[in-house]
């Protein structure tokens, strides 16, 4: 078995590196001087890192495709605040000789336990119409299995196998905590729960994730918000007597969950349930994204590298009360 070598999160500026990665992006380009070079994205379970191959790029990549497992030798460099690998040598490896679990990011949570918890929450929905809708969607061929495996994002948060299930359960747990505080305002718990379960379900089609996470054509051209709303609407059309007003409320919760037009929401939240779901979704995504950046920062660093996503440096130190 070929040893993995350094993980992405272990790379430091100036390191000489010999490691095994999966190629999640591969582009053969031409420099201004006419010389071919390659821009690669190397991935393992800890994250990804850019790779640049300048020497014999066309020849070295002739037998290497996106999704292949490769051995890489090179030097880690820092450029524009981001680490990258100046590749000296790259070779395709036989997958039987490497541990693929070290290359594919997967949730650390107990998946069977999460599935059991999800089923319990679905069973707890009191609305007969919403309960039937959820059952109708998740009983479709392959939907539940894909929901269990899919990531919640390509980057930023929950970007690993099982991430969608983990993210959805986090939102449901937040609902369980916050609903008693706002129940007196007339918030519909079942509608909020159904929105949590269905708002991101279109991500099972938005992403491909068998080897590495990437956007599918329908994901890029249409996106998960439409896909989720359409899946719900199509299922509703198969349920006789589904209330028109309930359909309207649920579709709005799904369509408004990104909260702002500039973040991809076709509509701004206009109901209490839509607003609550957006805020809980945003909370879980942001705190998880923050944490992933902090955890990937070397322990000796007080601040992370500048995050273009959050437009700030993140402070890595945790305050602990001294005894």
Protein backbone atom coordinates (compact mmCIF):
# COMPACT_ATOMS: atom_id res chain seq x y z
CA UNK A 1 0.00 0.00 0.00
CA UNK A 2 1.37 3.39 -1.02
CA UNK A 3 1.51 5.81 1.91
CA UNK A 4 -0.67 8.90 1.72
CA UNK A 5 2.03 11.37 2.74
CA UNK A 6 1.05 14.88 3.75
CA UNK A 7 -2.57 15.95 3.87
CA UNK A 8 -3.59 19.29 2.41
CA UNK A 9 -4.09 20.78 5.88
CA UNK A 10 -0.56 19.70 6.85
CA UNK A 11 1.11 21.64 4.03
CA UNK A 12 3.29 24.59 5.02
CA UNK A 13 5.08 27.21 2.95
CA UNK A 14 8.47 25.85 1.86
CA UNK A 15 7.67 22.18 2.46
CA UNK A 16 9.07 19.56 0.11
CA UNK A 17 6.14 17.25 -0.46
CA UNK A 18 5.60 13.69 -1.63
CA UNK A 19 1.94 12.81 -1.30
CA UNK A 20 -1.05 11.07 -2.83
CA UNK A 21 -4.03 13.15 -4.00
CA UNK A 22 -7.06 12.91 -6.24
CA UNK A 23 -7.32 15.32 -9.15
CA UNK A 24 -10.59 17.23 -8.94
CA UNK A 25 -9.68 19.78 -11.61
CA UNK A 26 -7.28 19.51 -14.56
CA UNK A 27 -6.57 22.29 -17.05
CA UNK A 28 -3.81 22.33 -19.64
CA UNK A 29 -3.04 25.95 -20.54
CA UNK A 30 -0.54 27.94 -22.58
CA UNK A 31 1.74 30.57 -21.07
CA UNK A 32 2.52 33.88 -22.79
CA UNK A 33 5.78 32.43 -24.07
CA UNK A 34 3.84 29.66 -25.82
CA UNK A 35 4.91 26.97 -23.38
CA UNK A 36 2.20 24.62 -22.08
CA UNK A 37 1.59 24.42 -18.36
CA UNK A 38 -1.05 22.80 -16.15
CA UNK A 39 -3.28 24.12 -13.40
CA UNK A 40 -4.51 21.34 -11.14
CA UNK A 41 -6.62 21.05 -8.03
CA UNK A 42 -5.42 18.31 -5.68
CA UNK A 43 -7.93 16.94 -3.19
CA UNK A 44 -7.88 14.71 -0.12
CA UNK A 45 -10.27 14.28 2.79
CA UNK A 46 -8.84 17.35 4.54
CA UNK A 47 -9.38 19.80 1.67
CA UNK A 48 -7.86 20.88 -1.62
CA UNK A 49 -4.84 22.79 -2.85
CA UNK A 50 -3.87 24.32 -6.19
CA UNK A 51 -1.04 22.70 -8.13
CA UNK A 52 0.97 24.26 -10.95
CA UNK A 53 3.00 22.10 -13.32
CA UNK A 54 5.44 23.99 -15.53
CA UNK A 55 7.85 21.35 -16.82
CA UNK A 56 6.78 18.83 -19.48
CA UNK A 57 3.17 19.53 -18.59
CA UNK A 58 1.63 18.03 -21.72
CA UNK A 59 3.71 14.87 -21.48
CA UNK A 60 3.26 14.36 -17.73
CA UNK A 61 -0.52 14.77 -17.99
CA UNK A 62 -1.02 12.74 -21.15
CA UNK A 63 -2.31 9.71 -19.24
CA UNK A 64 -3.90 11.61 -16.33
CA UNK A 65 -7.55 12.66 -16.19
CA UNK A 66 -9.85 14.41 -13.76
CA UNK A 67 -10.76 11.99 -10.97
CA UNK A 68 -7.51 10.04 -11.16
CA UNK A 69 -5.41 9.25 -8.10
CA UNK A 70 -1.88 10.58 -8.44
CA UNK A 71 1.42 10.71 -6.66
CA UNK A 72 2.85 14.22 -6.47
CA UNK A 73 6.34 15.51 -5.75
CA UNK A 74 6.89 19.23 -5.40
CA UNK A 75 7.38 22.32 -3.26
CA UNK A 76 4.68 24.12 -1.29
CA UNK A 77 4.67 27.85 -1.98
CA UNK A 78 2.58 30.77 -0.79
CA UNK A 79 1.13 33.04 -3.46
CA UNK A 80 -1.33 35.87 -2.86
CA UNK A 81 -2.04 34.57 0.63
CA UNK A 82 -2.84 31.04 -0.51
CA UNK A 83 -0.72 27.90 -0.51
CA UNK A 84 -0.09 26.04 -3.74
CA UNK A 85 2.19 23.25 -4.91
CA UNK A 86 4.84 23.81 -7.56
CA UNK A 87 4.72 20.33 -9.06
CA UNK A 88 7.98 18.72 -10.10
CA UNK A 89 6.65 15.24 -10.87
CA UNK A 90 3.20 13.72 -11.12
CA UNK A 91 2.30 10.09 -11.85
CA UNK A 92 -0.98 8.22 -12.06
CA UNK A 93 -1.37 5.54 -9.37
CA UNK A 94 -3.27 2.27 -9.30
CA UNK A 95 -6.23 2.83 -6.96
CA UNK A 96 -5.80 -0.66 -5.50
CA UNK A 97 -2.49 0.52 -4.07
CA UNK A 98 -3.87 3.51 -2.14
CA UNK A 99 -6.36 4.12 0.66
CA UNK A 100 -9.23 5.97 -1.00
CA UNK A 101 -10.78 6.80 2.37
CA UNK A 102 -7.88 9.21 2.89
CA UNK A 103 -8.83 11.06 -0.29
CA UNK A 104 -12.62 11.37 -0.08
CA UNK A 105 -14.00 13.69 2.59
CA UNK A 106 -16.84 12.11 4.58
CA UNK A 107 -18.89 13.20 7.57
CA UNK A 108 -17.44 12.31 10.96
CA UNK A 109 -20.93 11.78 12.35
CA UNK A 110 -22.60 8.38 12.81
CA UNK A 111 -24.58 8.03 9.57
CA UNK A 112 -27.02 5.28 10.70
CA UNK A 113 -27.75 7.32 13.85
CA UNK A 114 -28.39 10.44 11.74
CA UNK A 115 -30.73 8.51 9.44
CA UNK A 116 -32.64 7.14 12.44
CA UNK A 117 -32.95 10.67 13.85
CA UNK A 118 -34.17 11.98 10.49
CA UNK A 119 -36.85 9.27 10.37
CA UNK A 120 -37.96 10.17 13.90
CA UNK A 121 -38.38 13.82 12.96
CA UNK A 122 -40.35 12.93 9.83
CA UNK A 123 -42.61 10.67 11.89
CA UNK A 124 -43.20 13.58 14.28
CA UNK A 125 -44.79 15.80 11.61
CA UNK A 126 -48.46 16.09 12.57
CA UNK A 127 -49.81 17.58 9.33
CA UNK A 128 -51.15 14.68 7.27
CA UNK A 129 -50.57 16.60 4.03
CA UNK A 130 -46.95 17.50 4.79
CA UNK A 131 -46.22 14.05 6.18
CA UNK A 132 -47.51 12.44 2.99
CA UNK A 133 -45.51 14.89 0.88
CA UNK A 134 -42.26 14.08 2.68
CA UNK A 135 -42.94 10.34 2.37
CA UNK A 136 -43.81 10.78 -1.33
CA UNK A 137 -40.51 12.52 -2.09
CA UNK A 138 -38.21 10.33 -0.02
CA UNK A 139 -39.81 7.11 -1.30
CA UNK A 140 -38.94 8.00 -4.91
CA UNK A 141 -36.32 5.68 -6.34
CA UNK A 142 -32.83 6.61 -5.13
CA UNK A 143 -33.80 9.90 -3.46
CA UNK A 144 -33.24 8.95 0.17
CA UNK A 145 -29.99 7.14 -0.56
CA UNK A 146 -28.72 10.17 -2.50
CA UNK A 147 -29.87 12.50 0.29
CA UNK A 148 -27.83 10.50 2.81
CA UNK A 149 -24.67 10.64 0.68
CA UNK A 150 -24.82 14.10 -0.91
CA UNK A 151 -22.71 17.07 0.22
CA UNK A 152 -24.38 20.32 1.22
CA UNK A 153 -21.91 22.40 -0.79
CA UNK A 154 -18.86 22.24 -3.06
CA UNK A 155 -16.94 24.41 -0.62
CA UNK A 156 -17.47 26.61 2.44
CA UNK A 157 -19.59 24.30 4.63
CA UNK A 158 -20.56 20.61 4.89
CA UNK A 159 -18.62 19.95 1.68
CA UNK A 160 -18.21 16.21 2.14
CA UNK A 161 -20.12 12.97 1.74
CA UNK A 162 -23.02 13.02 4.20
CA UNK A 163 -22.87 16.80 4.52
CA UNK A 164 -26.44 17.40 3.32
CA UNK A 165 -27.88 15.02 5.90
CA UNK A 166 -25.73 16.56 8.64
CA UNK A 167 -26.68 20.13 7.66
CA UNK A 168 -30.39 19.28 7.46
CA UNK A 169 -30.37 17.67 10.90
CA UNK A 170 -28.56 20.68 12.36
CA UNK A 171 -31.32 22.96 11.10
CA UNK A 172 -34.00 20.64 12.48
CA UNK A 173 -32.28 20.63 15.88
CA UNK A 174 -32.18 24.43 15.79
CA UNK A 175 -35.91 24.44 15.06
CA UNK A 176 -36.49 22.22 18.07
CA UNK A 177 -34.64 24.76 20.23
CA UNK A 178 -36.11 27.96 18.82
CA UNK A 179 -39.72 27.02 18.07
CA UNK A 180 -40.92 27.26 21.69
CA UNK A 181 -39.69 30.89 21.78
CA UNK A 182 -41.77 31.94 18.77
CA UNK A 183 -44.71 29.56 18.89
CA UNK A 184 -46.88 32.32 20.37
CA UNK A 185 -46.36 34.37 17.20
CA UNK A 186 -48.18 31.76 15.13
CA UNK A 187 -45.18 30.03 13.56
CA UNK A 188 -46.26 26.75 11.95
CA UNK A 189 -43.87 24.09 13.23
CA UNK A 190 -44.75 21.43 10.63
CA UNK A 191 -44.31 23.90 7.78
CA UNK A 192 -40.92 24.92 9.19
CA UNK A 193 -39.88 21.27 9.56
CA UNK A 194 -40.99 20.42 6.02
CA UNK A 195 -39.04 23.43 4.74
CA UNK A 196 -35.94 22.25 6.59
CA UNK A 197 -36.26 18.76 5.12
CA UNK A 198 -36.87 19.91 1.54
CA UNK A 199 -35.13 23.27 1.05
CA UNK A 200 -31.84 21.71 -0.10
CA UNK A 201 -33.06 18.37 -1.48
CA UNK A 202 -32.28 19.53 -5.01
CA UNK A 203 -28.60 19.29 -4.11
CA UNK A 204 -28.78 15.56 -4.81
CA UNK A 205 -28.91 16.64 -8.46
CA UNK A 206 -26.88 19.85 -8.19
CA UNK A 207 -23.66 18.03 -7.26
CA UNK A 208 -21.78 14.98 -8.42
CA UNK A 209 -19.92 13.39 -5.54
CA UNK A 210 -18.86 9.82 -6.27
CA UNK A 211 -15.15 10.70 -6.16
CA UNK A 212 -14.93 14.44 -5.62
CA UNK A 213 -17.53 17.17 -5.35
CA UNK A 214 -18.35 19.08 -8.50
CA UNK A 215 -21.29 20.93 -9.99
CA UNK A 216 -23.42 19.03 -12.47
CA UNK A 217 -24.65 20.76 -15.65
CA UNK A 218 -28.16 21.07 -14.20
CA UNK A 219 -26.63 22.38 -10.98
CA UNK A 220 -24.80 25.16 -12.81
CA UNK A 221 -27.62 26.03 -15.20
CA UNK A 222 -30.65 25.65 -12.92
CA UNK A 223 -29.47 25.31 -9.31
CA UNK A 224 -30.78 23.56 -6.22
CA UNK A 225 -33.35 26.19 -5.20
CA UNK A 226 -35.41 25.61 -8.34
CA UNK A 227 -34.73 21.86 -8.23
CA UNK A 228 -35.91 21.62 -4.61
CA UNK A 229 -39.07 23.65 -5.26
CA UNK A 230 -39.81 21.69 -8.41
CA UNK A 231 -39.39 18.33 -6.65
CA UNK A 232 -41.83 19.48 -3.97
CA UNK A 233 -44.32 20.87 -6.50
CA UNK A 234 -44.22 17.74 -8.64
CA UNK A 235 -44.83 15.56 -5.58
CA UNK A 236 -47.72 17.82 -4.47
CA UNK A 237 -49.35 17.37 -7.89
CA UNK A 238 -49.47 13.62 -7.21
CA UNK A 239 -51.31 14.06 -3.88
CA UNK A 240 -55.08 14.47 -4.26
CA UNK A 241 -56.56 17.26 -2.16
CA UNK A 242 -53.28 18.92 -1.14
CA UNK A 243 -54.32 22.41 0.06
CA UNK A 244 -53.45 25.19 -2.37
CA UNK A 245 -52.57 27.62 0.45
CA UNK A 246 -50.22 25.09 2.06
CA UNK A 247 -48.54 24.51 -1.31
CA UNK A 248 -48.03 28.26 -1.67
CA UNK A 249 -46.49 28.58 1.81
CA UNK A 250 -44.13 25.62 1.37
CA UNK A 251 -42.88 26.65 -2.06
CA UNK A 252 -42.21 30.16 -0.72
CA UNK A 253 -40.21 28.77 2.22
CA UNK A 254 -38.05 26.82 -0.24
CA UNK A 255 -37.66 29.65 -2.78
CA UNK A 256 -36.76 32.22 -0.12
CA UNK A 257 -34.29 30.25 1.96
CA UNK A 258 -31.18 32.07 0.69
CA UNK A 259 -32.68 35.23 2.09
CA UNK A 260 -31.44 37.80 -0.40
CA UNK A 261 -31.78 38.18 -4.15
CA UNK A 262 -28.03 38.62 -4.57
CA UNK A 263 -27.45 35.28 -2.84
CA UNK A 264 -29.65 33.43 -5.32
CA UNK A 265 -33.09 33.58 -3.71
CA UNK A 266 -35.78 34.09 -6.36
CA UNK A 267 -37.90 35.68 -3.63
CA UNK A 268 -37.20 37.47 -0.35
CA UNK A 269 -38.72 35.74 2.71
CA UNK A 270 -42.21 37.14 3.24
CA UNK A 271 -43.52 34.77 5.93
CA UNK A 272 -42.38 33.99 9.45
CA UNK A 273 -41.49 30.43 8.50
CA UNK A 274 -39.50 31.54 5.44
CA UNK A 275 -37.57 34.08 7.49
CA UNK A 276 -36.83 31.63 10.29
CA UNK A 277 -35.66 28.91 7.92
CA UNK A 278 -33.38 31.34 6.10
CA UNK A 279 -31.80 32.54 9.34
CA UNK A 280 -31.30 29.03 10.74
CA UNK A 281 -29.88 27.80 7.43
CA UNK A 282 -27.51 30.77 7.31
CA UNK A 283 -26.50 30.27 10.95
CA UNK A 284 -25.55 26.63 10.49
CA UNK A 285 -23.72 27.29 7.22
CA UNK A 286 -21.73 30.22 8.61
CA UNK A 287 -20.71 28.70 11.96
CA UNK A 288 -19.68 25.48 10.22
CA UNK A 289 -17.79 27.41 7.55
CA UNK A 290 -16.05 29.54 10.17
CA UNK A 291 -15.04 26.47 12.13
CA UNK A 292 -13.68 24.63 9.09
CA UNK A 293 -11.36 27.56 8.27
CA UNK A 294 -10.16 27.88 11.87
CA UNK A 295 -9.57 24.14 12.18
CA UNK A 296 -7.55 24.14 8.95
CA UNK A 297 -5.29 26.92 10.24
CA UNK A 298 -1.98 25.79 11.79
CA UNK A 299 -2.09 25.80 15.61
CA UNK A 300 0.74 28.30 15.87
CA UNK A 301 -1.18 30.92 13.84
CA UNK A 302 -3.37 33.38 15.74
CA UNK A 303 -5.35 34.29 12.63
CA UNK A 304 -6.40 32.37 9.57
CA UNK A 305 -5.45 33.49 6.09
CA UNK A 306 -7.75 36.19 4.76
CA UNK A 307 -11.09 34.61 3.87
CA UNK A 308 -12.56 35.95 0.65
CA UNK A 309 -15.83 34.22 1.52
CA UNK A 310 -16.28 36.07 4.81
CA UNK A 311 -14.13 39.09 3.87
CA UNK A 312 -12.07 38.93 7.06
CA UNK A 313 -9.35 37.14 8.98
CA UNK A 314 -10.65 34.66 11.57
CA UNK A 315 -9.21 34.56 15.09
CA UNK A 316 -8.23 31.02 15.98
CA UNK A 317 -7.78 31.24 19.74
CA UNK A 318 -10.41 29.72 22.05
CA UNK A 319 -10.89 31.32 25.46
CA UNK A 320 -10.85 28.81 28.28
CA UNK A 321 -11.38 29.77 31.91
CA UNK A 322 -8.26 29.07 33.92
CA UNK A 323 -8.69 27.11 37.12
